[in-house]
Amino acid sequence: MLPTFEVRGLRVRAETVVAVCALIIAVASLVVTVQQARATRQHYRHSVRPMLQLRAGFHPGATAGLLLVNAGLGPAVLTGTVLTFDGMRLGAFNETNVNTVRETFAVRPSATTFGGREFLAGDYERYLLSVSSYDPDRHAEFAALIRERINIEIHYESLYGGERLVAVWPPNRGTT
């Protein structure tokens, strides 16, 4: 027979004390497990988060233009794009709208466009607008396009969704 204790006038058996302690330990263990699961899930979301960046490069003799890079680890799900040229919003960064811009140039730049909901791999790196064998004199009009006349927004999220991320060119103009 296990001993009993008296606490503030109540008789408490030892097995009751052991059961209460076991219950407290079990609840504490459950709380720690739930917190750990949440932290792990958050870590997984951050470890596969895409990070789209738009970069311009103009090196004589090399391919030059506006480069889209996914600097994150996970794929980017494109949810929308916006192309603005000379202050006029043309719409999505698709073949029709990009061709409207390209047709105004004597030296027509190459282009990569998007159509609908696309997935860009974690190692994605491609020129959106470019010229090969860049010559500062011959391609001055193209350089002015990238530096001053065009605005591009790429709206995207991770596979988990809901982040509402945006890559903008040029970076200092912001989104519309």
N, C-alpha and C. Protein backbone atom coordinates (compact mmCIF):
# COMPACT_ATOMS: atom_id res chain seq x y z
N MET A 1 0.84 -1.18 0.00
CA MET A 1 0.00 0.00 0.00
C MET A 1 0.88 1.24 0.00
N LEU A 2 0.57 2.17 -0.93
CA LEU A 2 1.35 3.40 -1.05
C LEU A 2 0.90 4.41 -0.01
N PRO A 3 1.81 5.22 0.41
CA PRO A 3 1.45 6.21 1.44
C PRO A 3 0.51 7.28 0.89
N THR A 4 -0.17 7.95 1.78
CA THR A 4 -1.02 9.09 1.43
C THR A 4 -0.44 10.33 2.05
N PHE A 5 -0.75 11.45 1.42
CA PHE A 5 -0.28 12.74 1.91
C PHE A 5 -1.48 13.61 2.21
N GLU A 6 -1.26 14.54 3.10
CA GLU A 6 -2.34 15.47 3.39
C GLU A 6 -1.88 16.84 2.95
N VAL A 7 -2.64 17.44 2.02
CA VAL A 7 -2.32 18.76 1.49
C VAL A 7 -3.52 19.65 1.73
N ARG A 8 -3.34 20.64 2.61
CA ARG A 8 -4.39 21.59 2.95
C ARG A 8 -5.70 20.88 3.32
N GLY A 9 -5.57 19.90 4.07
CA GLY A 9 -6.75 19.20 4.56
C GLY A 9 -7.28 18.13 3.63
N LEU A 10 -6.66 17.92 2.48
CA LEU A 10 -7.10 16.88 1.55
C LEU A 10 -6.14 15.71 1.63
N ARG A 11 -6.71 14.52 1.62
CA ARG A 11 -5.86 13.33 1.59
C ARG A 11 -5.60 12.99 0.13
N VAL A 12 -4.33 12.90 -0.23
CA VAL A 12 -3.90 12.61 -1.60
C VAL A 12 -3.04 11.37 -1.57
N ARG A 13 -3.41 10.41 -2.44
CA ARG A 13 -2.62 9.20 -2.51
C ARG A 13 -1.42 9.41 -3.41
N ALA A 14 -0.36 8.67 -3.20
CA ALA A 14 0.88 8.82 -3.95
C ALA A 14 0.67 8.57 -5.43
N GLU A 15 -0.16 7.54 -5.79
CA GLU A 15 -0.37 7.26 -7.21
C GLU A 15 -1.09 8.41 -7.91
N THR A 16 -1.90 9.18 -7.17
CA THR A 16 -2.55 10.35 -7.75
C THR A 16 -1.52 11.42 -8.07
N VAL A 17 -0.56 11.61 -7.17
CA VAL A 17 0.51 12.59 -7.39
C VAL A 17 1.33 12.17 -8.60
N VAL A 18 1.66 10.89 -8.69
CA VAL A 18 2.44 10.38 -9.84
C VAL A 18 1.64 10.58 -11.13
N ALA A 19 0.35 10.30 -11.13
CA ALA A 19 -0.49 10.46 -12.32
C ALA A 19 -0.57 11.91 -12.75
N VAL A 20 -0.72 12.82 -11.81
CA VAL A 20 -0.78 14.26 -12.13
C VAL A 20 0.55 14.71 -12.72
N CYS A 21 1.66 14.28 -12.14
CA CYS A 21 2.98 14.64 -12.68
C CYS A 21 3.17 14.09 -14.09
N ALA A 22 2.74 12.85 -14.33
CA ALA A 22 2.84 12.26 -15.66
C ALA A 22 1.99 13.04 -16.66
N LEU A 23 0.81 13.48 -16.24
CA LEU A 23 -0.06 14.27 -17.11
C LEU A 23 0.60 15.60 -17.45
N ILE A 24 1.22 16.26 -16.49
CA ILE A 24 1.89 17.54 -16.72
C ILE A 24 3.05 17.35 -17.69
N ILE A 25 3.81 16.29 -17.51
CA ILE A 25 4.94 16.01 -18.42
C ILE A 25 4.43 15.72 -19.83
N ALA A 26 3.36 14.96 -19.95
CA ALA A 26 2.80 14.63 -21.26
C ALA A 26 2.30 15.88 -21.98
N VAL A 27 1.61 16.78 -21.27
CA VAL A 27 1.11 18.02 -21.87
C VAL A 27 2.28 18.91 -22.30
N ALA A 28 3.30 19.01 -21.44
CA ALA A 28 4.47 19.82 -21.79
C ALA A 28 5.16 19.24 -23.03
N SER A 29 5.25 17.92 -23.10
CA SER A 29 5.86 17.27 -24.26
C SER A 29 5.05 17.54 -25.52
N LEU A 30 3.74 17.51 -25.43
CA LEU A 30 2.87 17.81 -26.58
C LEU A 30 3.08 19.25 -27.05
N VAL A 31 3.15 20.19 -26.12
CA VAL A 31 3.36 21.60 -26.47
C VAL A 31 4.69 21.77 -27.19
N VAL A 32 5.75 21.14 -26.69
CA VAL A 32 7.07 21.25 -27.32
C VAL A 32 7.04 20.62 -28.72
N THR A 33 6.37 19.50 -28.88
CA THR A 33 6.28 18.83 -30.18
C THR A 33 5.54 19.70 -31.20
N VAL A 34 4.44 20.31 -30.78
CA VAL A 34 3.68 21.19 -31.68
C VAL A 34 4.52 22.39 -32.08
N GLN A 35 5.23 23.00 -31.14
CA GLN A 35 6.10 24.15 -31.45
C GLN A 35 7.19 23.74 -32.43
N GLN A 36 7.78 22.57 -32.21
CA GLN A 36 8.84 22.09 -33.10
C GLN A 36 8.30 21.82 -34.50
N ALA A 37 7.10 21.27 -34.60
CA ALA A 37 6.49 21.02 -35.92
C ALA A 37 6.25 22.33 -36.66
N ARG A 38 5.78 23.34 -35.95
CA ARG A 38 5.56 24.66 -36.58
C ARG A 38 6.87 25.26 -37.05
N ALA A 39 7.91 25.17 -36.24
CA ALA A 39 9.22 25.71 -36.61
C ALA A 39 9.78 24.97 -37.83
N THR A 40 9.61 23.66 -37.87
CA THR A 40 10.09 22.87 -39.00
C THR A 40 9.34 23.24 -40.27
N ARG A 41 8.04 23.39 -40.18
CA ARG A 41 7.23 23.77 -41.35
C ARG A 41 7.65 25.15 -41.85
N GLN A 42 7.88 26.09 -40.95
CA GLN A 42 8.33 27.44 -41.33
C GLN A 42 9.69 27.37 -42.01
N HIS A 43 10.58 26.53 -41.46
CA HIS A 43 11.91 26.36 -42.06
C HIS A 43 11.79 25.82 -43.49
N TYR A 44 10.95 24.82 -43.70
CA TYR A 44 10.75 24.25 -45.03
C TYR A 44 10.24 25.30 -46.01
N ARG A 45 9.32 26.14 -45.57
CA ARG A 45 8.79 27.19 -46.45
C ARG A 45 9.88 28.16 -46.86
N HIS A 46 10.73 28.55 -45.90
CA HIS A 46 11.80 29.50 -46.22
C HIS A 46 12.89 28.86 -47.06
N SER A 47 13.14 27.59 -46.87
CA SER A 47 14.23 26.95 -47.60
C SER A 47 13.88 26.71 -49.07
N VAL A 48 12.62 26.74 -49.45
CA VAL A 48 12.25 26.58 -50.86
C VAL A 48 11.64 27.86 -51.43
N ARG A 49 11.90 28.97 -50.81
CA ARG A 49 11.34 30.24 -51.27
C ARG A 49 12.12 30.75 -52.48
N PRO A 50 11.42 31.12 -53.54
CA PRO A 50 12.10 31.71 -54.71
C PRO A 50 12.45 33.17 -54.43
N MET A 51 13.42 33.68 -55.18
CA MET A 51 13.79 35.10 -55.09
C MET A 51 14.16 35.57 -56.49
N LEU A 52 13.17 36.13 -57.19
CA LEU A 52 13.42 36.61 -58.55
C LEU A 52 14.09 37.97 -58.51
N GLN A 53 15.10 38.13 -59.34
CA GLN A 53 15.81 39.40 -59.46
C GLN A 53 15.96 39.75 -60.93
N LEU A 54 15.81 41.01 -61.24
CA LEU A 54 16.03 41.52 -62.60
C LEU A 54 17.33 42.32 -62.58
N ARG A 55 18.23 41.99 -63.51
CA ARG A 55 19.54 42.64 -63.55
C ARG A 55 19.85 43.06 -64.98
N ALA A 56 20.43 44.23 -65.12
CA ALA A 56 20.86 44.69 -66.45
C ALA A 56 22.37 44.56 -66.54
N GLY A 57 22.82 44.16 -67.71
CA GLY A 57 24.26 44.06 -67.95
C GLY A 57 24.58 44.46 -69.36
N PHE A 58 25.60 45.32 -69.50
CA PHE A 58 26.01 45.82 -70.81
C PHE A 58 27.53 45.72 -70.92
N HIS A 59 28.01 44.59 -71.41
CA HIS A 59 29.45 44.38 -71.56
C HIS A 59 29.76 44.25 -73.04
N PRO A 60 30.58 45.16 -73.59
CA PRO A 60 30.89 45.14 -75.02
C PRO A 60 31.39 43.76 -75.47
N GLY A 61 30.80 43.30 -76.59
CA GLY A 61 31.19 42.03 -77.17
C GLY A 61 30.43 40.83 -76.63
N ALA A 62 29.73 40.99 -75.51
CA ALA A 62 28.99 39.88 -74.89
C ALA A 62 27.49 40.11 -75.05
N THR A 63 26.71 39.11 -74.66
CA THR A 63 25.25 39.28 -74.65
C THR A 63 24.92 40.32 -73.58
N ALA A 64 24.05 41.26 -73.94
CA ALA A 64 23.69 42.33 -73.02
C ALA A 64 22.18 42.46 -72.97
N GLY A 65 21.67 42.96 -71.85
CA GLY A 65 20.24 43.18 -71.74
C GLY A 65 19.74 43.03 -70.33
N LEU A 66 18.48 42.64 -70.22
CA LEU A 66 17.80 42.51 -68.94
C LEU A 66 17.67 41.03 -68.60
N LEU A 67 18.33 40.62 -67.53
CA LEU A 67 18.41 39.22 -67.13
C LEU A 67 17.48 38.96 -65.95
N LEU A 68 16.69 37.88 -66.04
CA LEU A 68 15.84 37.44 -64.93
C LEU A 68 16.51 36.22 -64.30
N VAL A 69 16.75 36.30 -62.98
CA VAL A 69 17.43 35.24 -62.25
C VAL A 69 16.59 34.84 -61.05
N ASN A 70 16.43 33.54 -60.83
CA ASN A 70 15.83 33.06 -59.59
C ASN A 70 16.99 32.75 -58.66
N ALA A 71 17.27 33.67 -57.73
CA ALA A 71 18.38 33.53 -56.79
C ALA A 71 17.98 32.72 -55.56
N GLY A 72 16.72 32.32 -55.46
CA GLY A 72 16.26 31.50 -54.35
C GLY A 72 16.45 30.03 -54.64
N LEU A 73 16.08 29.19 -53.66
CA LEU A 73 16.27 27.75 -53.82
C LEU A 73 15.09 27.06 -54.47
N GLY A 74 13.90 27.60 -54.30
CA GLY A 74 12.71 26.92 -54.80
C GLY A 74 12.20 27.53 -56.09
N PRO A 75 11.30 26.81 -56.75
CA PRO A 75 10.71 27.33 -57.98
C PRO A 75 9.76 28.49 -57.71
N ALA A 76 9.67 29.39 -58.67
CA ALA A 76 8.76 30.53 -58.59
C ALA A 76 7.54 30.23 -59.45
N VAL A 77 6.37 30.49 -58.91
CA VAL A 77 5.13 30.34 -59.65
C VAL A 77 4.70 31.74 -60.06
N LEU A 78 4.73 32.02 -61.37
CA LEU A 78 4.34 33.35 -61.84
C LEU A 78 2.83 33.50 -61.74
N THR A 79 2.40 34.60 -61.13
CA THR A 79 0.97 34.85 -61.00
C THR A 79 0.52 36.02 -61.86
N GLY A 80 1.47 36.77 -62.42
CA GLY A 80 1.12 37.87 -63.31
C GLY A 80 2.34 38.69 -63.67
N THR A 81 2.25 39.40 -64.77
CA THR A 81 3.32 40.28 -65.21
C THR A 81 2.70 41.57 -65.74
N VAL A 82 3.49 42.64 -65.70
CA VAL A 82 3.04 43.94 -66.22
C VAL A 82 4.20 44.55 -66.99
N LEU A 83 3.93 45.01 -68.21
CA LEU A 83 4.92 45.68 -69.05
C LEU A 83 4.46 47.10 -69.30
N THR A 84 5.34 48.06 -68.98
CA THR A 84 5.07 49.47 -69.24
C THR A 84 6.19 50.00 -70.13
N PHE A 85 5.81 50.73 -71.19
CA PHE A 85 6.79 51.26 -72.15
C PHE A 85 6.50 52.73 -72.36
N ASP A 86 7.51 53.56 -72.11
CA ASP A 86 7.37 55.02 -72.21
C ASP A 86 6.17 55.54 -71.43
N GLY A 87 5.96 55.00 -70.24
CA GLY A 87 4.88 55.45 -69.37
C GLY A 87 3.51 54.88 -69.71
N MET A 88 3.40 54.10 -70.79
CA MET A 88 2.12 53.53 -71.18
C MET A 88 2.08 52.05 -70.79
N ARG A 89 1.09 51.70 -70.01
CA ARG A 89 0.94 50.31 -69.57
C ARG A 89 0.40 49.47 -70.72
N LEU A 90 1.21 48.51 -71.19
CA LEU A 90 0.81 47.67 -72.32
C LEU A 90 0.05 46.43 -71.88
N GLY A 91 0.28 45.98 -70.66
CA GLY A 91 -0.36 44.77 -70.15
C GLY A 91 0.66 43.75 -69.74
N ALA A 92 0.36 42.48 -69.97
CA ALA A 92 1.23 41.38 -69.56
C ALA A 92 2.52 41.37 -70.38
N PHE A 93 3.56 40.79 -69.80
CA PHE A 93 4.83 40.62 -70.50
C PHE A 93 4.71 39.36 -71.37
N ASN A 94 3.93 39.49 -72.43
CA ASN A 94 3.69 38.35 -73.33
C ASN A 94 4.24 38.69 -74.72
N GLU A 95 4.15 37.75 -75.64
CA GLU A 95 4.74 37.92 -76.97
C GLU A 95 4.16 39.12 -77.71
N THR A 96 2.86 39.30 -77.66
CA THR A 96 2.21 40.41 -78.38
C THR A 96 2.71 41.76 -77.89
N ASN A 97 2.71 41.96 -76.57
CA ASN A 97 3.13 43.25 -76.02
C ASN A 97 4.62 43.50 -76.17
N VAL A 98 5.43 42.47 -76.01
CA VAL A 98 6.88 42.64 -76.18
C VAL A 98 7.21 42.94 -77.64
N ASN A 99 6.50 42.30 -78.58
CA ASN A 99 6.72 42.59 -79.99
C ASN A 99 6.36 44.03 -80.33
N THR A 100 5.36 44.58 -79.66
CA THR A 100 5.01 45.99 -79.85
C THR A 100 6.20 46.89 -79.52
N VAL A 101 6.93 46.55 -78.46
CA VAL A 101 8.11 47.31 -78.06
C VAL A 101 9.27 47.03 -79.03
N ARG A 102 9.51 45.78 -79.36
CA ARG A 102 10.67 45.42 -80.20
C ARG A 102 10.57 45.98 -81.61
N GLU A 103 9.37 46.14 -82.13
CA GLU A 103 9.20 46.63 -83.50
C GLU A 103 9.60 48.09 -83.68
N THR A 104 9.79 48.82 -82.59
CA THR A 104 10.16 50.23 -82.69
C THR A 104 11.66 50.43 -82.85
N PHE A 105 12.45 49.35 -82.84
CA PHE A 105 13.91 49.47 -82.87
C PHE A 105 14.49 49.04 -84.21
N ALA A 106 15.56 49.73 -84.60
CA ALA A 106 16.27 49.38 -85.84
C ALA A 106 16.93 48.01 -85.68
N VAL A 107 17.56 47.78 -84.53
CA VAL A 107 18.16 46.48 -84.22
C VAL A 107 17.21 45.80 -83.24
N ARG A 108 16.49 44.80 -83.76
CA ARG A 108 15.45 44.14 -82.95
C ARG A 108 16.08 43.21 -81.91
N PRO A 109 15.83 43.46 -80.60
CA PRO A 109 16.41 42.61 -79.56
C PRO A 109 15.68 41.26 -79.48
N SER A 110 16.39 40.28 -78.97
CA SER A 110 15.79 38.97 -78.68
C SER A 110 14.94 39.10 -77.42
N ALA A 111 13.96 38.20 -77.29
CA ALA A 111 13.07 38.29 -76.13
C ALA A 111 12.65 36.91 -75.65
N THR A 112 12.42 36.82 -74.34
CA THR A 112 11.80 35.66 -73.71
C THR A 112 10.55 36.19 -73.02
N THR A 113 9.40 35.61 -73.33
CA THR A 113 8.14 36.10 -72.76
C THR A 113 7.47 35.01 -71.95
N PHE A 114 6.40 35.40 -71.27
CA PHE A 114 5.64 34.47 -70.45
C PHE A 114 4.20 34.44 -70.94
N GLY A 115 3.60 33.28 -70.83
CA GLY A 115 2.20 33.14 -71.21
C GLY A 115 1.47 32.35 -70.16
N GLY A 116 0.69 33.01 -69.35
CA GLY A 116 -0.09 32.31 -68.33
C GLY A 116 0.72 32.01 -67.08
N ARG A 117 0.25 30.99 -66.36
CA ARG A 117 0.87 30.60 -65.09
C ARG A 117 2.06 29.69 -65.38
N GLU A 118 3.25 30.18 -65.13
CA GLU A 118 4.46 29.43 -65.40
C GLU A 118 5.24 29.17 -64.13
N PHE A 119 6.08 28.15 -64.17
CA PHE A 119 6.96 27.81 -63.07
C PHE A 119 8.39 28.04 -63.52
N LEU A 120 9.16 28.79 -62.71
CA LEU A 120 10.56 29.03 -63.02
C LEU A 120 11.40 28.28 -62.00
N ALA A 121 12.25 27.39 -62.47
CA ALA A 121 13.06 26.54 -61.59
C ALA A 121 13.97 27.37 -60.70
N GLY A 122 14.46 26.75 -59.65
CA GLY A 122 15.34 27.43 -58.70
C GLY A 122 16.62 27.93 -59.32
N ASP A 123 17.07 27.34 -60.42
CA ASP A 123 18.29 27.78 -61.08
C ASP A 123 18.00 28.56 -62.38
N TYR A 124 16.79 29.09 -62.50
CA TYR A 124 16.39 29.80 -63.72
C TYR A 124 17.25 31.05 -63.92
N GLU A 125 17.74 31.24 -65.14
CA GLU A 125 18.51 32.43 -65.49
C GLU A 125 18.38 32.63 -66.99
N ARG A 126 17.67 33.68 -67.38
CA ARG A 126 17.43 33.90 -68.80
C ARG A 126 17.24 35.40 -69.07
N TYR A 127 17.73 35.84 -70.22
CA TYR A 127 17.51 37.23 -70.63
C TYR A 127 16.07 37.40 -71.08
N LEU A 128 15.40 38.43 -70.56
CA LEU A 128 14.06 38.78 -71.03
C LEU A 128 14.16 39.57 -72.33
N LEU A 129 15.09 40.50 -72.37
CA LEU A 129 15.38 41.28 -73.58
C LEU A 129 16.90 41.32 -73.71
N SER A 130 17.40 41.04 -74.92
CA SER A 130 18.85 41.01 -75.07
C SER A 130 19.28 41.26 -76.51
N VAL A 131 20.55 41.60 -76.63
CA VAL A 131 21.22 41.67 -77.92
C VAL A 131 22.54 40.92 -77.76
N SER A 132 22.94 40.21 -78.81
CA SER A 132 24.23 39.51 -78.74
C SER A 132 25.32 40.45 -79.25
N SER A 133 26.54 40.20 -78.83
CA SER A 133 27.70 41.02 -79.25
C SER A 133 27.40 42.51 -79.07
N TYR A 134 27.13 42.90 -77.85
CA TYR A 134 26.75 44.28 -77.53
C TYR A 134 27.83 45.27 -77.98
N ASP A 135 27.39 46.29 -78.70
CA ASP A 135 28.24 47.41 -79.11
C ASP A 135 27.57 48.68 -78.60
N PRO A 136 28.24 49.44 -77.72
CA PRO A 136 27.61 50.63 -77.13
C PRO A 136 27.08 51.63 -78.15
N ASP A 137 27.74 51.77 -79.28
CA ASP A 137 27.28 52.72 -80.30
C ASP A 137 26.10 52.15 -81.09
N ARG A 138 26.24 50.92 -81.55
CA ARG A 138 25.20 50.29 -82.38
C ARG A 138 23.93 50.00 -81.58
N HIS A 139 24.07 49.72 -80.28
CA HIS A 139 22.94 49.33 -79.45
C HIS A 139 22.57 50.39 -78.40
N ALA A 140 22.89 51.65 -78.68
CA ALA A 140 22.58 52.73 -77.73
C ALA A 140 21.08 52.84 -77.48
N GLU A 141 20.29 52.67 -78.52
CA GLU A 141 18.83 52.75 -78.39
C GLU A 141 18.31 51.63 -77.47
N PHE A 142 18.88 50.43 -77.59
CA PHE A 142 18.49 49.31 -76.75
C PHE A 142 18.87 49.56 -75.29
N ALA A 143 20.07 50.07 -75.06
CA ALA A 143 20.50 50.38 -73.70
C ALA A 143 19.58 51.42 -73.06
N ALA A 144 19.16 52.43 -73.83
CA ALA A 144 18.23 53.44 -73.32
C ALA A 144 16.88 52.81 -72.98
N LEU A 145 16.45 51.84 -73.78
CA LEU A 145 15.20 51.14 -73.48
C LEU A 145 15.27 50.51 -72.10
N ILE A 146 16.32 49.76 -71.85
CA ILE A 146 16.45 49.05 -70.58
C ILE A 146 16.63 50.02 -69.43
N ARG A 147 17.44 51.03 -69.61
CA ARG A 147 17.77 51.95 -68.50
C ARG A 147 16.68 52.97 -68.20
N GLU A 148 15.91 53.39 -69.22
CA GLU A 148 15.02 54.54 -69.01
C GLU A 148 13.58 54.36 -69.47
N ARG A 149 13.32 53.51 -70.44
CA ARG A 149 12.00 53.53 -71.08
C ARG A 149 11.06 52.39 -70.71
N ILE A 150 11.56 51.38 -70.03
CA ILE A 150 10.74 50.20 -69.78
C ILE A 150 10.60 49.93 -68.28
N ASN A 151 9.44 49.45 -67.91
CA ASN A 151 9.17 49.05 -66.53
C ASN A 151 8.52 47.67 -66.60
N ILE A 152 9.05 46.74 -65.82
CA ILE A 152 8.52 45.37 -65.80
C ILE A 152 8.24 44.96 -64.36
N GLU A 153 7.08 44.37 -64.14
CA GLU A 153 6.74 43.79 -62.85
C GLU A 153 6.46 42.31 -63.07
N ILE A 154 7.04 41.49 -62.21
CA ILE A 154 6.79 40.05 -62.25
C ILE A 154 6.25 39.66 -60.88
N HIS A 155 5.00 39.28 -60.84
CA HIS A 155 4.35 38.86 -59.60
C HIS A 155 4.48 37.34 -59.49
N TYR A 156 4.90 36.87 -58.30
CA TYR A 156 5.13 35.44 -58.15
C TYR A 156 4.97 35.01 -56.70
N GLU A 157 5.00 33.70 -56.50
CA GLU A 157 4.94 33.13 -55.16
C GLU A 157 5.65 31.78 -55.18
N SER A 158 5.82 31.19 -54.00
CA SER A 158 6.42 29.86 -53.92
C SER A 158 5.36 28.81 -54.18
N LEU A 159 5.75 27.56 -54.15
CA LEU A 159 4.79 26.47 -54.32
C LEU A 159 3.76 26.44 -53.20
N TYR A 160 4.11 26.97 -52.02
CA TYR A 160 3.17 27.03 -50.91
C TYR A 160 2.08 28.06 -51.17
N GLY A 161 2.43 29.13 -51.89
CA GLY A 161 1.46 30.15 -52.27
C GLY A 161 1.19 31.18 -51.19
N GLY A 162 0.58 32.29 -51.63
CA GLY A 162 0.12 33.32 -50.72
C GLY A 162 1.12 34.40 -50.35
N GLU A 163 2.37 34.34 -50.84
CA GLU A 163 3.36 35.34 -50.42
C GLU A 163 3.23 36.68 -51.15
N ARG A 164 2.69 36.69 -52.35
CA ARG A 164 2.53 37.91 -53.15
C ARG A 164 3.85 38.66 -53.32
N LEU A 165 4.84 38.00 -53.87
CA LEU A 165 6.16 38.58 -54.09
C LEU A 165 6.18 39.27 -55.45
N VAL A 166 7.04 40.29 -55.59
CA VAL A 166 7.13 41.05 -56.84
C VAL A 166 8.59 41.37 -57.14
N ALA A 167 9.00 41.12 -58.38
CA ALA A 167 10.29 41.57 -58.88
C ALA A 167 10.00 42.73 -59.82
N VAL A 168 10.74 43.83 -59.68
CA VAL A 168 10.45 45.04 -60.45
C VAL A 168 11.71 45.53 -61.15
N TRP A 169 11.53 45.95 -62.42
CA TRP A 169 12.60 46.64 -63.14
C TRP A 169 12.08 47.97 -63.62
N PRO A 170 12.84 49.06 -63.44
CA PRO A 170 14.04 49.14 -62.63
C PRO A 170 13.69 49.08 -61.14
N PRO A 171 14.63 48.62 -60.32
CA PRO A 171 14.34 48.36 -58.91
C PRO A 171 13.87 49.57 -58.11
N ASN A 172 14.26 50.77 -58.50
CA ASN A 172 13.91 51.96 -57.70
C ASN A 172 12.55 52.57 -58.06
N ARG A 173 11.84 52.02 -59.04
CA ARG A 173 10.56 52.60 -59.43
C ARG A 173 9.38 52.06 -58.64
N GLY A 174 9.45 50.85 -58.12
CA GLY A 174 8.33 50.29 -57.36
C GLY A 174 7.26 49.72 -58.28
N THR A 175 6.16 49.26 -57.66
CA THR A 175 5.07 48.62 -58.41
C THR A 175 3.91 49.56 -58.62
N THR A 176 3.04 49.21 -59.60
CA THR A 176 1.87 50.05 -59.88
C THR A 176 0.67 49.57 -59.12
